[in-house]
N, C-alpha and C. Protein backbone atom coordinates (compact mmCIF):
# COMPACT_ATOMS: atom_id res chain seq x y z
N MET A 1 50.75 -34.70 -34.03
CA MET A 1 51.71 -34.49 -35.10
C MET A 1 51.62 -35.65 -36.08
N THR A 2 51.33 -35.31 -37.31
CA THR A 2 51.30 -36.30 -38.37
C THR A 2 52.38 -35.94 -39.37
N LEU A 3 53.31 -36.85 -39.53
CA LEU A 3 54.41 -36.60 -40.44
C LEU A 3 54.09 -37.11 -41.83
N THR A 4 54.61 -36.41 -42.82
CA THR A 4 54.54 -36.86 -44.20
C THR A 4 55.97 -37.00 -44.71
N ALA A 5 56.15 -37.92 -45.63
CA ALA A 5 57.48 -38.18 -46.18
C ALA A 5 57.51 -37.83 -47.66
N GLN A 6 58.64 -37.28 -48.08
CA GLN A 6 58.86 -36.99 -49.49
C GLN A 6 60.23 -37.55 -49.89
N THR A 7 60.32 -38.04 -51.10
CA THR A 7 61.58 -38.59 -51.60
C THR A 7 62.56 -37.45 -51.89
N VAL A 8 63.78 -37.64 -51.42
CA VAL A 8 64.85 -36.67 -51.68
C VAL A 8 65.59 -37.09 -52.94
N SER A 9 65.75 -36.13 -53.85
CA SER A 9 66.51 -36.35 -55.09
C SER A 9 67.31 -35.08 -55.35
N LYS A 10 68.09 -35.08 -56.42
CA LYS A 10 68.91 -33.89 -56.70
C LYS A 10 68.06 -32.67 -57.05
N THR A 11 66.79 -32.87 -57.42
CA THR A 11 65.90 -31.75 -57.73
C THR A 11 64.94 -31.43 -56.57
N PHE A 12 65.15 -32.06 -55.44
CA PHE A 12 64.28 -31.85 -54.28
C PHE A 12 64.39 -30.39 -53.81
N PRO A 13 63.25 -29.69 -53.65
CA PRO A 13 63.30 -28.26 -53.31
C PRO A 13 64.03 -27.95 -52.00
N ASP A 14 63.93 -28.83 -51.01
CA ASP A 14 64.57 -28.57 -49.73
C ASP A 14 65.92 -29.28 -49.58
N LEU A 15 66.54 -29.62 -50.71
CA LEU A 15 67.84 -30.30 -50.66
C LEU A 15 68.89 -29.50 -49.88
N PRO A 16 68.94 -28.17 -50.00
CA PRO A 16 69.93 -27.44 -49.19
C PRO A 16 69.73 -27.63 -47.68
N GLN A 17 68.48 -27.70 -47.23
CA GLN A 17 68.22 -27.91 -45.80
C GLN A 17 68.60 -29.33 -45.38
N VAL A 18 68.33 -30.31 -46.24
CA VAL A 18 68.71 -31.69 -45.95
C VAL A 18 70.24 -31.79 -45.88
N LYS A 19 70.92 -31.16 -46.81
CA LYS A 19 72.39 -31.14 -46.81
C LYS A 19 72.91 -30.51 -45.53
N HIS A 20 72.29 -29.42 -45.12
CA HIS A 20 72.70 -28.76 -43.87
C HIS A 20 72.54 -29.69 -42.67
N LEU A 21 71.42 -30.41 -42.62
CA LEU A 21 71.22 -31.37 -41.52
C LEU A 21 72.29 -32.46 -41.55
N LEU A 22 72.58 -32.98 -42.72
CA LEU A 22 73.61 -34.01 -42.86
C LEU A 22 74.94 -33.49 -42.34
N GLU A 23 75.29 -32.27 -42.72
CA GLU A 23 76.59 -31.71 -42.36
C GLU A 23 76.68 -31.26 -40.91
N THR A 24 75.56 -30.92 -40.29
CA THR A 24 75.61 -30.42 -38.91
C THR A 24 75.26 -31.47 -37.86
N GLN A 25 74.54 -32.52 -38.26
CA GLN A 25 74.11 -33.52 -37.28
C GLN A 25 75.01 -34.75 -37.24
N PHE A 26 75.95 -34.84 -38.19
CA PHE A 26 76.88 -35.96 -38.22
C PHE A 26 78.30 -35.41 -38.35
N PRO A 27 79.23 -35.95 -37.58
CA PRO A 27 80.62 -35.51 -37.72
C PRO A 27 81.12 -35.75 -39.15
N LYS A 28 82.03 -34.94 -39.60
CA LYS A 28 82.52 -35.00 -40.97
C LYS A 28 83.01 -36.40 -41.35
N ASP A 29 83.72 -37.06 -40.42
CA ASP A 29 84.27 -38.38 -40.76
C ASP A 29 83.20 -39.48 -40.78
N GLU A 30 81.97 -39.15 -40.44
CA GLU A 30 80.87 -40.12 -40.49
C GLU A 30 79.92 -39.86 -41.65
N GLN A 31 80.16 -38.82 -42.39
CA GLN A 31 79.27 -38.47 -43.49
C GLN A 31 79.65 -39.22 -44.76
N ILE A 32 78.67 -39.51 -45.55
CA ILE A 32 78.86 -40.00 -46.92
C ILE A 32 78.52 -38.80 -47.80
N PRO A 33 79.34 -38.51 -48.82
CA PRO A 33 79.03 -37.35 -49.66
C PRO A 33 77.60 -37.39 -50.20
N LEU A 34 76.96 -36.23 -50.17
CA LEU A 34 75.57 -36.13 -50.61
C LEU A 34 75.39 -36.66 -52.02
N ARG A 35 76.32 -36.38 -52.92
CA ARG A 35 76.18 -36.85 -54.30
C ARG A 35 76.16 -38.38 -54.37
N LEU A 36 76.93 -39.05 -53.49
CA LEU A 36 76.91 -40.51 -53.46
C LEU A 36 75.59 -41.02 -52.89
N LEU A 37 75.09 -40.36 -51.84
CA LEU A 37 73.79 -40.75 -51.27
C LEU A 37 72.69 -40.62 -52.33
N LEU A 38 72.71 -39.52 -53.07
CA LEU A 38 71.70 -39.30 -54.11
C LEU A 38 71.82 -40.34 -55.23
N ALA A 39 73.05 -40.64 -55.63
CA ALA A 39 73.26 -41.63 -56.70
C ALA A 39 72.78 -43.01 -56.26
N ARG A 40 73.12 -43.41 -55.04
CA ARG A 40 72.72 -44.74 -54.54
C ARG A 40 71.22 -44.80 -54.31
N ALA A 41 70.59 -43.68 -54.00
CA ALA A 41 69.15 -43.67 -53.75
C ALA A 41 68.34 -43.92 -55.04
N LYS A 42 69.00 -43.96 -56.17
CA LYS A 42 68.31 -44.31 -57.41
C LYS A 42 68.08 -45.81 -57.52
N LYS A 43 68.78 -46.59 -56.68
CA LYS A 43 68.59 -48.03 -56.69
C LYS A 43 67.21 -48.36 -56.10
N ASP A 44 66.66 -49.49 -56.53
CA ASP A 44 65.32 -49.87 -56.10
C ASP A 44 65.19 -50.10 -54.61
N ASN A 45 66.26 -50.46 -53.94
CA ASN A 45 66.16 -50.84 -52.53
C ASN A 45 66.76 -49.81 -51.58
N VAL A 46 67.07 -48.60 -52.07
CA VAL A 46 67.67 -47.55 -51.25
C VAL A 46 66.71 -46.36 -51.22
N TYR A 47 66.47 -45.85 -50.02
CA TYR A 47 65.47 -44.79 -49.83
C TYR A 47 66.06 -43.60 -49.09
N PHE A 48 65.77 -42.42 -49.61
CA PHE A 48 66.21 -41.15 -49.03
C PHE A 48 64.93 -40.34 -48.86
N LYS A 49 64.47 -40.17 -47.63
CA LYS A 49 63.18 -39.53 -47.37
C LYS A 49 63.34 -38.34 -46.42
N ALA A 50 62.67 -37.25 -46.75
CA ALA A 50 62.58 -36.09 -45.86
C ALA A 50 61.20 -36.15 -45.20
N TYR A 51 61.16 -35.75 -43.94
CA TYR A 51 59.90 -35.79 -43.17
C TYR A 51 59.48 -34.39 -42.78
N TYR A 52 58.16 -34.17 -42.90
CA TYR A 52 57.57 -32.87 -42.62
C TYR A 52 56.45 -32.99 -41.61
N ASP A 53 56.34 -31.98 -40.77
CA ASP A 53 55.16 -31.78 -39.93
C ASP A 53 54.53 -30.51 -40.49
N ALA A 54 53.39 -30.66 -41.14
CA ALA A 54 52.78 -29.58 -41.92
C ALA A 54 53.81 -29.20 -43.00
N GLN A 55 54.24 -27.93 -43.04
CA GLN A 55 55.20 -27.48 -44.05
C GLN A 55 56.63 -27.44 -43.53
N GLN A 56 56.82 -27.80 -42.27
CA GLN A 56 58.15 -27.68 -41.66
C GLN A 56 58.96 -28.96 -41.84
N LEU A 57 60.16 -28.82 -42.41
CA LEU A 57 61.08 -29.95 -42.53
C LEU A 57 61.54 -30.33 -41.14
N ILE A 58 61.28 -31.57 -40.76
CA ILE A 58 61.63 -32.06 -39.43
C ILE A 58 62.96 -32.80 -39.46
N GLY A 59 63.19 -33.57 -40.52
CA GLY A 59 64.41 -34.36 -40.59
C GLY A 59 64.42 -35.24 -41.82
N PHE A 60 65.37 -36.16 -41.83
CA PHE A 60 65.45 -37.10 -42.95
C PHE A 60 65.95 -38.44 -42.46
N VAL A 61 65.72 -39.44 -43.31
CA VAL A 61 66.21 -40.78 -43.05
C VAL A 61 66.74 -41.34 -44.37
N TYR A 62 67.76 -42.16 -44.25
CA TYR A 62 68.37 -42.81 -45.40
C TYR A 62 68.54 -44.27 -45.05
N TYR A 63 67.92 -45.16 -45.83
CA TYR A 63 67.97 -46.57 -45.46
C TYR A 63 67.96 -47.48 -46.69
N ILE A 64 68.37 -48.73 -46.43
CA ILE A 64 68.44 -49.77 -47.44
C ILE A 64 67.53 -50.91 -47.01
N VAL A 65 66.82 -51.49 -47.95
CA VAL A 65 66.02 -52.69 -47.68
C VAL A 65 66.62 -53.82 -48.51
N TRP A 66 66.96 -54.90 -47.85
CA TRP A 66 67.54 -56.05 -48.55
C TRP A 66 67.14 -57.32 -47.82
N GLN A 67 66.56 -58.22 -48.56
CA GLN A 67 66.04 -59.46 -48.00
C GLN A 67 65.11 -59.13 -46.83
N ASP A 68 65.39 -59.62 -45.63
CA ASP A 68 64.52 -59.33 -44.48
C ASP A 68 65.17 -58.34 -43.52
N MET A 69 65.98 -57.45 -44.08
CA MET A 69 66.68 -56.45 -43.26
C MET A 69 66.45 -55.04 -43.80
N THR A 70 66.36 -54.11 -42.89
CA THR A 70 66.33 -52.69 -43.23
C THR A 70 67.48 -52.06 -42.47
N TYR A 71 68.39 -51.44 -43.19
CA TYR A 71 69.60 -50.85 -42.60
C TYR A 71 69.48 -49.33 -42.64
N GLY A 72 69.32 -48.71 -41.48
CA GLY A 72 69.23 -47.26 -41.39
C GLY A 72 70.61 -46.65 -41.31
N LEU A 73 71.04 -46.01 -42.38
CA LEU A 73 72.36 -45.39 -42.38
C LEU A 73 72.34 -44.03 -41.69
N PHE A 74 71.30 -43.24 -41.95
CA PHE A 74 71.19 -41.91 -41.36
C PHE A 74 69.76 -41.65 -40.92
N LEU A 75 69.63 -41.10 -39.73
CA LEU A 75 68.37 -40.57 -39.23
C LEU A 75 68.72 -39.27 -38.53
N ALA A 76 68.23 -38.16 -39.06
CA ALA A 76 68.54 -36.86 -38.48
C ALA A 76 67.26 -36.08 -38.27
N VAL A 77 67.17 -35.43 -37.13
CA VAL A 77 66.06 -34.55 -36.80
C VAL A 77 66.64 -33.16 -36.54
N ASP A 78 66.00 -32.15 -37.12
CA ASP A 78 66.45 -30.77 -36.91
C ASP A 78 66.52 -30.49 -35.42
N PRO A 79 67.58 -29.81 -34.96
CA PRO A 79 67.72 -29.53 -33.53
C PRO A 79 66.50 -28.85 -32.91
N SER A 80 65.82 -28.00 -33.67
CA SER A 80 64.64 -27.31 -33.14
C SER A 80 63.47 -28.27 -32.91
N ALA A 81 63.53 -29.47 -33.51
CA ALA A 81 62.43 -30.43 -33.39
C ALA A 81 62.82 -31.65 -32.56
N GLN A 82 64.02 -31.66 -32.01
CA GLN A 82 64.46 -32.81 -31.23
C GLN A 82 63.74 -32.87 -29.88
N SER A 83 63.69 -34.07 -29.34
CA SER A 83 63.05 -34.37 -28.05
C SER A 83 61.55 -34.09 -28.05
N LYS A 84 60.94 -34.24 -29.21
CA LYS A 84 59.50 -34.05 -29.35
C LYS A 84 58.82 -35.28 -29.93
N GLY A 85 59.55 -36.37 -30.02
CA GLY A 85 58.98 -37.62 -30.51
C GLY A 85 59.09 -37.83 -32.01
N TYR A 86 59.70 -36.89 -32.73
CA TYR A 86 59.77 -37.02 -34.18
C TYR A 86 60.68 -38.16 -34.61
N GLY A 87 61.83 -38.31 -33.99
CA GLY A 87 62.74 -39.39 -34.36
C GLY A 87 62.09 -40.74 -34.21
N ALA A 88 61.38 -40.93 -33.10
CA ALA A 88 60.67 -42.20 -32.87
C ALA A 88 59.60 -42.41 -33.92
N GLN A 89 58.90 -41.35 -34.29
CA GLN A 89 57.84 -41.48 -35.29
C GLN A 89 58.42 -41.80 -36.67
N ILE A 90 59.56 -41.20 -37.01
CA ILE A 90 60.20 -41.50 -38.29
C ILE A 90 60.62 -42.96 -38.33
N LEU A 91 61.27 -43.41 -37.27
CA LEU A 91 61.69 -44.81 -37.20
C LEU A 91 60.49 -45.75 -37.28
N GLN A 92 59.43 -45.42 -36.57
CA GLN A 92 58.23 -46.27 -36.59
C GLN A 92 57.60 -46.30 -37.98
N SER A 93 57.66 -45.20 -38.71
CA SER A 93 57.08 -45.20 -40.06
C SER A 93 57.82 -46.18 -40.97
N ILE A 94 59.12 -46.30 -40.81
CA ILE A 94 59.89 -47.26 -41.61
C ILE A 94 59.57 -48.68 -41.16
N ARG A 95 59.51 -48.88 -39.85
CA ARG A 95 59.20 -50.22 -39.32
C ARG A 95 57.80 -50.66 -39.77
N THR A 96 56.88 -49.73 -39.91
CA THR A 96 55.53 -50.05 -40.37
C THR A 96 55.55 -50.50 -41.83
N LEU A 97 56.40 -49.89 -42.64
CA LEU A 97 56.50 -50.27 -44.05
C LEU A 97 57.06 -51.68 -44.22
N TYR A 98 57.95 -52.08 -43.30
CA TYR A 98 58.62 -53.38 -43.39
C TYR A 98 58.51 -54.09 -42.04
N PRO A 99 57.30 -54.47 -41.65
CA PRO A 99 57.09 -54.98 -40.30
C PRO A 99 57.80 -56.29 -39.98
N ASP A 100 58.10 -57.08 -41.00
CA ASP A 100 58.77 -58.36 -40.76
C ASP A 100 60.29 -58.26 -40.86
N ASN A 101 60.78 -57.09 -41.21
CA ASN A 101 62.23 -56.91 -41.36
C ASN A 101 62.90 -56.64 -40.02
N ARG A 102 64.12 -57.10 -39.93
CA ARG A 102 64.99 -56.70 -38.82
C ARG A 102 65.56 -55.34 -39.20
N PHE A 103 65.53 -54.41 -38.25
CA PHE A 103 66.05 -53.06 -38.51
C PHE A 103 67.45 -52.98 -37.90
N VAL A 104 68.41 -52.57 -38.69
CA VAL A 104 69.81 -52.53 -38.29
C VAL A 104 70.30 -51.08 -38.34
N LEU A 105 71.07 -50.67 -37.36
CA LEU A 105 71.66 -49.34 -37.38
C LEU A 105 72.96 -49.34 -36.60
N ASN A 106 73.81 -48.39 -36.90
CA ASN A 106 75.07 -48.21 -36.18
C ASN A 106 75.05 -46.89 -35.46
N ILE A 107 75.55 -46.90 -34.23
CA ILE A 107 75.72 -45.65 -33.47
C ILE A 107 77.16 -45.59 -32.99
N GLU A 108 77.63 -44.38 -32.74
CA GLU A 108 78.99 -44.23 -32.22
C GLU A 108 79.12 -44.99 -30.90
N THR A 109 80.26 -45.62 -30.70
CA THR A 109 80.50 -46.33 -29.45
C THR A 109 80.59 -45.34 -28.30
N LEU A 110 80.35 -45.82 -27.09
CA LEU A 110 80.42 -44.97 -25.90
C LEU A 110 81.88 -44.81 -25.47
N ASP A 111 82.50 -43.78 -25.96
CA ASP A 111 83.89 -43.46 -25.67
C ASP A 111 83.91 -42.26 -24.72
N GLU A 112 84.31 -42.50 -23.48
CA GLU A 112 84.31 -41.43 -22.46
C GLU A 112 85.16 -40.23 -22.85
N HIS A 113 86.10 -40.43 -23.75
CA HIS A 113 87.01 -39.36 -24.15
C HIS A 113 86.51 -38.57 -25.36
N ALA A 114 85.40 -39.01 -25.94
CA ALA A 114 84.85 -38.33 -27.11
C ALA A 114 84.25 -36.98 -26.70
N SER A 115 84.40 -36.00 -27.55
CA SER A 115 83.87 -34.67 -27.25
C SER A 115 82.35 -34.66 -27.16
N ASN A 116 81.70 -35.62 -27.81
CA ASN A 116 80.23 -35.69 -27.79
C ASN A 116 79.75 -36.88 -26.96
N TYR A 117 80.45 -37.22 -25.93
CA TYR A 117 80.13 -38.39 -25.11
C TYR A 117 78.69 -38.35 -24.59
N GLU A 118 78.24 -37.21 -24.07
CA GLU A 118 76.87 -37.10 -23.55
C GLU A 118 75.85 -37.34 -24.66
N GLN A 119 76.12 -36.82 -25.85
CA GLN A 119 75.22 -37.03 -26.98
C GLN A 119 75.15 -38.52 -27.34
N ARG A 120 76.29 -39.19 -27.27
CA ARG A 120 76.33 -40.62 -27.57
C ARG A 120 75.48 -41.41 -26.57
N ILE A 121 75.56 -41.03 -25.31
CA ILE A 121 74.76 -41.70 -24.28
C ILE A 121 73.28 -41.51 -24.56
N ARG A 122 72.87 -40.28 -24.88
CA ARG A 122 71.47 -40.00 -25.17
C ARG A 122 70.99 -40.75 -26.41
N ARG A 123 71.83 -40.78 -27.45
CA ARG A 123 71.46 -41.46 -28.69
C ARG A 123 71.26 -42.96 -28.43
N ARG A 124 72.17 -43.56 -27.71
CA ARG A 124 72.06 -44.99 -27.42
C ARG A 124 70.80 -45.26 -26.59
N ALA A 125 70.54 -44.43 -25.58
CA ALA A 125 69.35 -44.60 -24.74
C ALA A 125 68.08 -44.47 -25.58
N PHE A 126 68.07 -43.54 -26.54
CA PHE A 126 66.92 -43.35 -27.43
C PHE A 126 66.61 -44.64 -28.17
N TYR A 127 67.61 -45.23 -28.80
CA TYR A 127 67.38 -46.45 -29.57
C TYR A 127 67.02 -47.64 -28.68
N LEU A 128 67.62 -47.73 -27.50
CA LEU A 128 67.27 -48.82 -26.59
C LEU A 128 65.82 -48.69 -26.12
N ARG A 129 65.36 -47.46 -25.89
CA ARG A 129 63.94 -47.25 -25.52
C ARG A 129 63.00 -47.71 -26.61
N LEU A 130 63.45 -47.63 -27.85
CA LEU A 130 62.62 -48.02 -28.99
C LEU A 130 62.74 -49.52 -29.29
N GLY A 131 63.44 -50.24 -28.44
CA GLY A 131 63.52 -51.69 -28.59
C GLY A 131 64.78 -52.21 -29.23
N ALA A 132 65.75 -51.36 -29.51
CA ALA A 132 67.00 -51.81 -30.11
C ALA A 132 67.80 -52.64 -29.11
N GLU A 133 68.54 -53.59 -29.64
CA GLU A 133 69.40 -54.43 -28.83
C GLU A 133 70.77 -54.51 -29.48
N PRO A 134 71.83 -54.57 -28.67
CA PRO A 134 73.18 -54.72 -29.24
C PRO A 134 73.32 -56.05 -29.98
N THR A 135 74.05 -56.03 -31.08
CA THR A 135 74.30 -57.25 -31.85
C THR A 135 75.46 -58.04 -31.26
N GLY A 136 76.29 -57.37 -30.47
CA GLY A 136 77.47 -58.03 -29.93
C GLY A 136 78.72 -57.79 -30.77
N PHE A 137 78.60 -56.93 -31.80
CA PHE A 137 79.81 -56.60 -32.56
C PHE A 137 79.92 -55.11 -32.82
N ILE A 138 81.17 -54.72 -33.06
CA ILE A 138 81.53 -53.33 -33.36
C ILE A 138 81.93 -53.28 -34.82
N VAL A 139 81.48 -52.24 -35.52
CA VAL A 139 81.81 -52.03 -36.92
C VAL A 139 82.76 -50.84 -37.01
N ARG A 140 83.85 -51.02 -37.70
CA ARG A 140 84.79 -49.91 -37.92
C ARG A 140 84.75 -49.53 -39.40
N GLU A 141 84.35 -48.28 -39.64
CA GLU A 141 84.29 -47.75 -40.99
C GLU A 141 84.95 -46.38 -41.00
N ALA A 142 85.81 -46.16 -41.97
CA ALA A 142 86.50 -44.87 -42.14
C ALA A 142 87.15 -44.41 -40.83
N GLY A 143 87.69 -45.35 -40.08
CA GLY A 143 88.40 -45.01 -38.85
C GLY A 143 87.52 -44.74 -37.65
N VAL A 144 86.21 -44.96 -37.77
CA VAL A 144 85.27 -44.70 -36.69
C VAL A 144 84.66 -46.02 -36.23
N ASP A 145 84.60 -46.21 -34.91
CA ASP A 145 83.96 -47.40 -34.34
C ASP A 145 82.50 -47.14 -34.06
N TYR A 146 81.65 -48.09 -34.46
CA TYR A 146 80.21 -48.00 -34.25
C TYR A 146 79.74 -49.26 -33.54
N GLU A 147 78.76 -49.09 -32.65
CA GLU A 147 78.08 -50.22 -32.08
C GLU A 147 76.91 -50.54 -33.00
N CYS A 148 76.79 -51.79 -33.39
CA CYS A 148 75.69 -52.20 -34.26
C CYS A 148 74.52 -52.65 -33.39
N LEU A 149 73.33 -52.09 -33.66
CA LEU A 149 72.11 -52.41 -32.93
C LEU A 149 71.07 -52.96 -33.91
N THR A 150 70.14 -53.74 -33.38
CA THR A 150 69.03 -54.23 -34.20
C THR A 150 67.72 -54.10 -33.44
N ILE A 151 66.66 -54.01 -34.20
CA ILE A 151 65.30 -54.04 -33.66
C ILE A 151 64.57 -55.14 -34.43
N GLY A 152 63.90 -56.02 -33.72
CA GLY A 152 63.10 -57.04 -34.39
C GLY A 152 63.83 -58.33 -34.70
N GLY A 153 64.98 -58.54 -34.09
CA GLY A 153 65.72 -59.78 -34.31
C GLY A 153 67.19 -59.52 -34.52
N SER A 154 68.01 -60.49 -34.22
CA SER A 154 69.46 -60.33 -34.32
C SER A 154 69.92 -60.51 -35.76
N ILE A 155 71.13 -60.05 -36.02
CA ILE A 155 71.79 -60.28 -37.30
C ILE A 155 73.22 -60.73 -37.01
N SER A 156 73.79 -61.40 -37.98
CA SER A 156 75.18 -61.83 -37.85
C SER A 156 76.09 -60.82 -38.52
N ALA A 157 77.37 -60.93 -38.22
CA ALA A 157 78.36 -60.07 -38.87
C ALA A 157 78.34 -60.29 -40.38
N GLU A 158 78.15 -61.53 -40.81
CA GLU A 158 78.11 -61.83 -42.25
C GLU A 158 76.90 -61.17 -42.91
N GLU A 159 75.77 -61.16 -42.24
CA GLU A 159 74.59 -60.49 -42.81
C GLU A 159 74.83 -58.99 -42.90
N PHE A 160 75.48 -58.43 -41.88
CA PHE A 160 75.78 -57.00 -41.92
C PHE A 160 76.70 -56.68 -43.10
N LYS A 161 77.72 -57.49 -43.30
CA LYS A 161 78.62 -57.28 -44.44
C LYS A 161 77.84 -57.36 -45.75
N ALA A 162 76.92 -58.30 -45.83
CA ALA A 162 76.15 -58.49 -47.06
C ALA A 162 75.28 -57.27 -47.38
N ILE A 163 74.61 -56.72 -46.39
CA ILE A 163 73.76 -55.55 -46.67
C ILE A 163 74.61 -54.32 -46.99
N THR A 164 75.78 -54.22 -46.37
CA THR A 164 76.68 -53.12 -46.68
C THR A 164 77.20 -53.25 -48.12
N ARG A 165 77.55 -54.46 -48.50
CA ARG A 165 78.02 -54.73 -49.87
C ARG A 165 76.91 -54.40 -50.87
N GLN A 166 75.68 -54.70 -50.50
CA GLN A 166 74.54 -54.41 -51.36
C GLN A 166 74.42 -52.90 -51.60
N PHE A 167 74.67 -52.10 -50.58
CA PHE A 167 74.58 -50.65 -50.72
C PHE A 167 75.71 -50.10 -51.60
N TYR A 168 76.94 -50.45 -51.26
CA TYR A 168 78.09 -49.86 -51.95
C TYR A 168 78.31 -50.42 -53.35
N GLY A 169 77.94 -51.67 -53.57
CA GLY A 169 78.29 -52.32 -54.81
C GLY A 169 79.68 -52.91 -54.67
N PRO A 170 80.05 -53.83 -55.57
CA PRO A 170 81.30 -54.56 -55.39
C PRO A 170 82.55 -53.69 -55.41
N LEU A 171 82.61 -52.69 -56.26
CA LEU A 171 83.83 -51.88 -56.37
C LEU A 171 84.01 -50.97 -55.16
N LEU A 172 82.99 -50.18 -54.84
CA LEU A 172 83.10 -49.28 -53.68
C LEU A 172 83.25 -50.04 -52.37
N TYR A 173 82.67 -51.23 -52.31
CA TYR A 173 82.77 -52.03 -51.09
C TYR A 173 84.22 -52.37 -50.78
N LEU A 174 85.05 -52.56 -51.80
CA LEU A 174 86.47 -52.84 -51.58
C LEU A 174 87.15 -51.73 -50.79
N PHE A 175 86.70 -50.49 -51.01
CA PHE A 175 87.29 -49.34 -50.31
C PHE A 175 86.61 -49.08 -48.97
N ALA A 176 85.31 -49.30 -48.91
CA ALA A 176 84.53 -48.97 -47.70
C ALA A 176 84.38 -50.16 -46.77
N LYS A 177 84.87 -51.29 -47.17
CA LYS A 177 84.65 -52.55 -46.44
C LYS A 177 84.76 -52.37 -44.93
N PRO A 178 83.66 -52.64 -44.24
CA PRO A 178 83.69 -52.49 -42.77
C PRO A 178 84.50 -53.61 -42.11
N LYS A 179 85.18 -53.24 -41.05
CA LYS A 179 85.89 -54.22 -40.25
C LYS A 179 85.04 -54.50 -39.01
N ILE A 180 84.80 -55.75 -38.75
CA ILE A 180 83.89 -56.14 -37.66
C ILE A 180 84.66 -56.94 -36.63
N ARG A 181 84.39 -56.59 -35.36
CA ARG A 181 85.02 -57.33 -34.25
C ARG A 181 83.99 -57.48 -33.14
N PRO A 182 84.21 -58.43 -32.25
CA PRO A 182 83.28 -58.59 -31.12
C PRO A 182 83.30 -57.36 -30.22
N ALA A 183 82.15 -57.03 -29.67
CA ALA A 183 82.06 -55.93 -28.71
C ALA A 183 82.74 -56.37 -27.42
N GLU A 184 83.30 -55.41 -26.73
CA GLU A 184 83.99 -55.74 -25.47
C GLU A 184 83.05 -55.85 -24.32
């Protein structure tokens, strides 16, 4: 399987499928509106990529590159293509583009009472298999707690705030400002 990547924009032919993946693979309270993702992806350091195996849309990734960090906000693989190595290949393609960068991502915390608890366990195990390590802090955004993980080196809470501020810009950051606390 050889994946190819295409930039997602408002004129992207498969935008409805990408939107569907965003809406079905992430809980509503964890989504960023597609129009905001598209607007921010016009910045030089923000990337919105769809991945294909031949002509089949496999998934998408949305990430920010800033200084020596790459922050993956979204990585989604179509359910029909999951557990086939595509997610790992998408992540590796980004790591190959920025081999010296620390890769940062947030995943839902392991809450035994969550309706998707088993999915959270699988997602965390997936990233740990790929070399991710806990940062030691929890990020709370829009009322949701996330465990922050990194690949390729640790980051501080201040660095995480800085890359988040870089994405949102000063005004939106005031509203979206993540709250960070030590992991238990």
